[in-house]
Amino acid sequence: SVPRVVVENRGRREHVFIMAGEILSGGKQTRTVRRDVALAPGQRIELDVFCVEARRWEGGKEFSGAGTLLPQSIQQEVRRGADQARVWSEIARNNTALDAENATGSLELAIKAGPVQEKLGRFRRSIVPRLPDGATGFIFVHRGRALGAEFFGSRHLARRLLTKLLDSYAVDCVLLGPTRGGFQEDTDHDVAIRMFHRICRAGSRRASTPGSGAGIRTRDGRLLGDGVGLDDAVVHYGVQIEDRIIPLPTPR
């Protein structure tokens, strides 16, 4: 059905982590995951999703990872409690702004369009080589404003997911930002440090999530955060500012 898919971990030894915002390609419509989930070996659940392809209802039942995440402005709407109609509206706005509209209204196809990928690729190459060894988290700052942070339970997981996260922030801040410029070096870390302290002050609480993990949630201090832990350890915790990420147009 449109709001749910069935997920099964067929492994015998390892847990499977699925991150909120992950795009699942295929089925009768491409979907996106609404919250972080950790599945134990052999576990099978129904997973809440949103459709991110409004004008298709054909195909099989199988999904695969698209290798992309929701742009952070749309992820922010999901965390605010958006319904399916709002998500479709944001996707349509995003695809139009990227000049990547397509017949089925697919977010995946828009992000994977050649010109979009070329710009995202240049942005990735300017950032990824600078990643310090052992980093387990990232704070994203754009034009002097901290937009969000992503923390992981291991450096391996952080490294594996950094590229997707960079793309999800870059769609809004680099491709759709007011300057549409590239990466610029900024050695002033005070904005990021203040964001970290703000997240610590806001704290978090337990939340429900399907699977075997324990949900993490923040809705305080004008922050929107969600994540999942396993056996008292954080697997992933992502938090954004409550203010809209895309800057408002400058009056002329």
Protein backbone atom coordinates (compact mmCIF):
# COMPACT_ATOMS: atom_id res chain seq x y z
CA SER A 1 0.00 0.00 0.00
CA VAL A 2 1.13 3.59 -0.53
CA PRO A 3 2.10 4.42 3.09
CA ARG A 4 3.81 1.11 3.98
CA VAL A 5 6.31 -1.38 2.65
CA VAL A 6 7.42 -4.71 4.10
CA VAL A 7 11.09 -4.96 5.07
CA GLU A 8 12.87 -8.16 6.09
CA ASN A 9 16.43 -8.67 7.30
CA ARG A 10 17.38 -12.03 5.79
CA GLY A 11 20.81 -12.02 7.37
CA ARG A 12 21.73 -14.38 10.20
CA ARG A 13 24.27 -12.32 12.11
CA GLU A 14 24.12 -8.60 11.33
CA HIS A 15 21.57 -5.92 12.08
CA VAL A 16 20.40 -3.75 9.19
CA PHE A 17 20.15 0.04 9.53
CA ILE A 18 17.80 2.06 7.31
CA MET A 19 18.11 5.83 7.62
CA ALA A 20 15.20 8.27 7.51
CA GLY A 21 15.04 9.98 4.14
CA GLU A 22 16.49 7.01 2.28
CA ILE A 23 14.85 6.68 -1.14
CA LEU A 24 13.56 3.22 -2.05
CA SER A 25 13.41 2.83 -5.81
CA GLY A 26 10.97 0.55 -7.60
CA GLY A 27 7.68 -1.00 -6.55
CA LYS A 28 4.65 0.67 -8.06
CA GLN A 29 5.93 4.02 -6.78
CA THR A 30 9.30 5.11 -5.43
CA ARG A 31 9.09 5.80 -1.67
CA THR A 32 11.12 7.33 1.13
CA VAL A 33 11.62 6.07 4.68
CA ARG A 34 9.99 8.20 7.37
CA ARG A 35 12.15 7.28 10.38
CA ASP A 36 15.38 5.52 11.34
CA VAL A 37 15.04 1.76 11.76
CA ALA A 38 17.33 -1.04 12.98
CA LEU A 39 16.33 -4.62 12.14
CA ALA A 40 17.65 -7.68 13.96
CA PRO A 41 18.63 -10.79 11.98
CA GLY A 42 15.50 -12.50 10.67
CA GLN A 43 13.22 -9.63 11.64
CA ARG A 44 10.34 -8.63 9.34
CA ILE A 45 8.35 -5.41 9.79
CA GLU A 46 5.99 -3.00 8.10
CA LEU A 47 7.79 0.30 7.50
CA ASP A 48 6.05 3.69 7.23
CA VAL A 49 6.98 5.50 4.02
CA PHE A 50 5.97 8.44 1.84
CA CYS A 51 5.59 8.28 -1.91
CA VAL A 52 8.11 10.44 -3.78
CA GLU A 53 6.80 9.70 -7.28
CA ALA A 54 3.28 11.03 -7.65
CA ARG A 55 2.37 9.94 -11.17
CA ARG A 56 3.19 6.25 -11.40
CA TRP A 57 1.29 3.19 -10.15
CA GLU A 58 2.69 0.23 -12.04
CA GLY A 59 5.48 -2.27 -11.70
CA GLY A 60 6.33 -5.07 -9.27
CA LYS A 61 6.70 -5.32 -5.50
CA GLU A 62 10.49 -5.25 -5.26
CA PHE A 63 12.45 -2.19 -4.08
CA SER A 64 16.13 -1.35 -4.07
CA GLY A 65 18.15 1.40 -2.48
CA ALA A 66 18.35 4.39 -4.81
CA GLY A 67 21.60 5.61 -3.27
CA THR A 68 20.05 9.02 -2.51
CA LEU A 69 18.38 10.82 0.38
CA LEU A 70 15.62 13.40 0.55
CA PRO A 71 16.88 16.97 0.21
CA GLN A 72 17.04 18.38 3.71
CA SER A 73 14.27 20.92 3.11
CA ILE A 74 11.86 18.03 2.39
CA GLN A 75 13.22 15.97 5.29
CA GLN A 76 12.49 18.98 7.47
CA GLU A 77 8.84 18.98 6.34
CA VAL A 78 8.58 15.28 7.21
CA ARG A 79 9.91 15.98 10.71
CA ARG A 80 7.40 18.79 11.07
CA GLY A 81 4.60 16.25 10.51
CA ALA A 82 3.83 16.84 6.82
CA ASP A 83 1.22 14.67 5.14
CA GLN A 84 1.56 12.99 1.74
CA ALA A 85 0.08 15.97 -0.14
CA ARG A 86 2.63 18.32 1.44
CA VAL A 87 5.49 15.98 0.54
CA TRP A 88 4.33 15.85 -3.09
CA SER A 89 4.08 19.64 -3.16
CA GLU A 90 7.63 20.04 -1.86
CA ILE A 91 8.94 17.50 -4.39
CA ALA A 92 7.24 19.35 -7.24
CA ARG A 93 8.81 22.63 -6.05
CA ASN A 94 12.21 20.96 -5.78
CA ASN A 95 12.07 19.36 -9.24
CA THR A 96 10.98 22.61 -10.87
CA ALA A 97 13.74 24.59 -9.14
CA LEU A 98 16.33 22.04 -10.29
CA ASP A 99 14.97 22.22 -13.85
CA ALA A 100 14.63 18.44 -13.63
CA GLU A 101 10.90 17.80 -13.97
CA ASN A 102 9.91 14.39 -15.32
CA ALA A 103 6.80 12.52 -16.44
CA THR A 104 6.15 10.71 -13.14
CA GLY A 105 7.09 13.53 -10.76
CA SER A 106 9.93 11.37 -9.41
CA LEU A 107 12.30 12.91 -6.89
CA GLU A 108 14.86 10.19 -7.60
CA LEU A 109 14.93 10.91 -11.33
CA ALA A 110 15.29 14.65 -10.67
CA ILE A 111 18.27 14.20 -8.33
CA LYS A 112 19.90 11.69 -10.70
CA ALA A 113 19.48 13.94 -13.76
CA GLY A 114 22.83 14.49 -15.49
CA PRO A 115 23.25 18.24 -14.88
CA VAL A 116 22.22 17.87 -11.21
CA GLN A 117 24.67 15.00 -10.62
CA GLU A 118 27.47 16.91 -12.30
CA LYS A 119 27.06 19.84 -9.91
CA LEU A 120 26.71 17.59 -6.87
CA GLY A 121 29.82 15.68 -7.95
CA ARG A 122 31.91 18.85 -8.00
CA PHE A 123 30.67 19.74 -4.53
CA ARG A 124 31.48 16.26 -3.15
CA ARG A 125 35.01 16.35 -4.53
CA SER A 126 35.67 19.64 -2.74
CA ILE A 127 34.56 18.29 0.66
CA VAL A 128 35.13 14.53 1.00
CA PRO A 129 38.97 14.56 0.81
CA ARG A 130 38.99 16.95 3.78
CA LEU A 131 37.22 14.49 6.08
CA PRO A 132 39.34 13.83 9.20
CA ASP A 133 40.13 10.20 9.99
CA GLY A 134 37.87 8.81 12.68
CA ALA A 135 35.06 11.34 12.27
CA THR A 136 31.74 9.99 13.57
CA GLY A 137 29.61 13.07 13.01
CA PHE A 138 29.17 16.18 10.91
CA ILE A 139 27.69 19.64 11.44
CA PHE A 140 26.50 21.40 8.30
CA VAL A 141 26.99 25.18 8.10
CA HIS A 142 25.96 27.34 5.15
CA ARG A 143 26.70 31.07 4.83
CA GLY A 144 27.26 31.49 8.57
CA ARG A 145 24.17 29.51 9.60
CA ALA A 146 24.24 26.02 11.14
CA LEU A 147 21.52 23.97 9.46
CA GLY A 148 21.84 20.52 10.96
CA ALA A 149 24.02 17.75 12.30
CA GLU A 150 24.36 14.01 11.83
CA PHE A 151 25.95 11.72 14.44
CA PHE A 152 26.73 8.02 14.06
CA GLY A 153 27.76 5.17 16.31
CA SER A 154 30.81 4.29 14.20
CA ARG A 155 33.23 6.02 11.86
CA HIS A 156 32.59 3.34 9.24
CA LEU A 157 28.87 4.15 9.13
CA ALA A 158 29.59 7.88 9.11
CA ARG A 159 31.99 7.55 6.19
CA ARG A 160 29.61 5.33 4.20
CA LEU A 161 26.71 7.78 4.51
CA LEU A 162 28.54 11.10 4.21
CA THR A 163 28.19 11.33 0.42
CA LYS A 164 24.41 10.93 0.57
CA LEU A 165 24.18 13.50 3.36
CA LEU A 166 26.33 16.00 1.49
CA ASP A 167 24.07 15.68 -1.54
CA SER A 168 20.92 16.11 0.55
CA TYR A 169 22.19 19.40 2.00
CA ALA A 170 23.82 20.56 -1.25
CA VAL A 171 20.58 20.31 -3.25
CA ASP A 172 19.12 23.05 -1.07
CA CYS A 173 22.17 25.12 -0.19
CA VAL A 174 24.40 24.91 -3.26
CA LEU A 175 22.11 24.11 -6.20
CA LEU A 176 19.08 26.09 -5.02
CA GLY A 177 20.80 28.65 -2.78
CA PRO A 178 20.79 32.36 -3.60
CA THR A 179 24.39 32.37 -4.87
CA ARG A 180 24.38 28.94 -6.55
CA GLY A 181 28.10 28.95 -5.86
CA GLY A 182 30.51 26.17 -4.93
CA PHE A 183 32.29 25.25 -1.73
CA GLN A 184 34.27 27.97 0.01
CA GLU A 185 36.74 27.43 2.83
CA ASP A 186 35.61 28.81 6.19
CA THR A 187 37.92 28.42 9.16
CA ASP A 188 35.52 29.96 11.70
CA HIS A 189 34.17 26.97 13.64
CA ASP A 190 32.24 28.99 16.25
CA VAL A 191 28.92 28.52 14.43
CA ALA A 192 29.34 24.74 14.46
CA ILE A 193 30.43 24.70 18.12
CA ARG A 194 27.39 26.75 19.14
CA MET A 195 25.17 24.34 17.22
CA PHE A 196 26.69 21.39 19.08
CA HIS A 197 26.05 23.07 22.45
CA ARG A 198 22.51 23.90 21.38
CA ILE A 199 21.85 20.25 20.54
CA CYS A 200 23.23 19.18 23.93
CA ARG A 201 20.98 21.66 25.76
CA ALA A 202 17.89 20.55 23.85
CA GLY A 203 18.43 16.92 24.81
CA SER A 204 16.32 14.04 23.53
CA ARG A 205 13.80 11.47 24.63
CA ARG A 206 12.80 7.94 23.75
CA ALA A 207 10.41 7.51 20.85
CA SER A 208 8.67 4.65 19.13
CA THR A 209 10.17 3.14 16.00
CA PRO A 210 9.58 -0.21 14.30
CA GLY A 211 12.23 -2.89 14.43
CA SER A 212 14.52 -3.83 17.29
CA GLY A 213 16.07 -0.42 17.98
CA ALA A 214 14.95 2.34 20.32
CA GLY A 215 13.82 5.60 18.75
CA ILE A 216 15.39 8.97 19.65
CA ARG A 217 13.48 12.23 19.26
CA THR A 218 14.07 15.97 19.82
CA ARG A 219 11.42 18.64 19.51
CA ASP A 220 12.83 21.36 21.73
CA GLY A 221 15.05 24.42 21.44
CA ARG A 222 13.71 25.03 17.92
CA LEU A 223 15.36 21.81 16.78
CA LEU A 224 13.89 18.80 14.97
CA GLY A 225 15.79 15.58 15.66
CA ASP A 226 15.26 11.86 15.16
CA GLY A 227 17.36 8.75 15.35
CA VAL A 228 17.69 5.18 16.56
CA GLY A 229 19.82 3.41 19.14
CA LEU A 230 20.63 -0.25 19.70
CA ASP A 231 21.62 -1.81 23.03
CA ASP A 232 22.06 1.63 24.64
CA ALA A 233 24.37 2.83 21.84
CA VAL A 234 23.47 5.43 19.23
CA VAL A 235 23.30 4.11 15.68
CA HIS A 236 22.30 7.44 14.13
CA TYR A 237 20.91 10.75 15.34
CA GLY A 238 20.09 13.53 12.89
CA VAL A 239 18.91 16.99 13.93
CA GLN A 240 17.92 20.11 11.98
CA ILE A 241 17.02 23.66 12.84
CA GLU A 242 13.29 24.38 12.86
CA ASP A 243 13.58 27.40 10.56
CA ARG A 244 13.22 26.72 6.86
CA ILE A 245 16.50 25.70 5.28
CA ILE A 246 15.94 27.29 1.89
CA PRO A 247 16.49 31.07 2.25
CA LEU A 248 13.54 33.32 1.53
CA PRO A 249 13.83 35.25 -1.75
CA THR A 250 15.57 38.61 -1.44
CA PRO A 251 13.15 41.45 -2.29
CA ARG A 252 14.11 43.53 -5.34
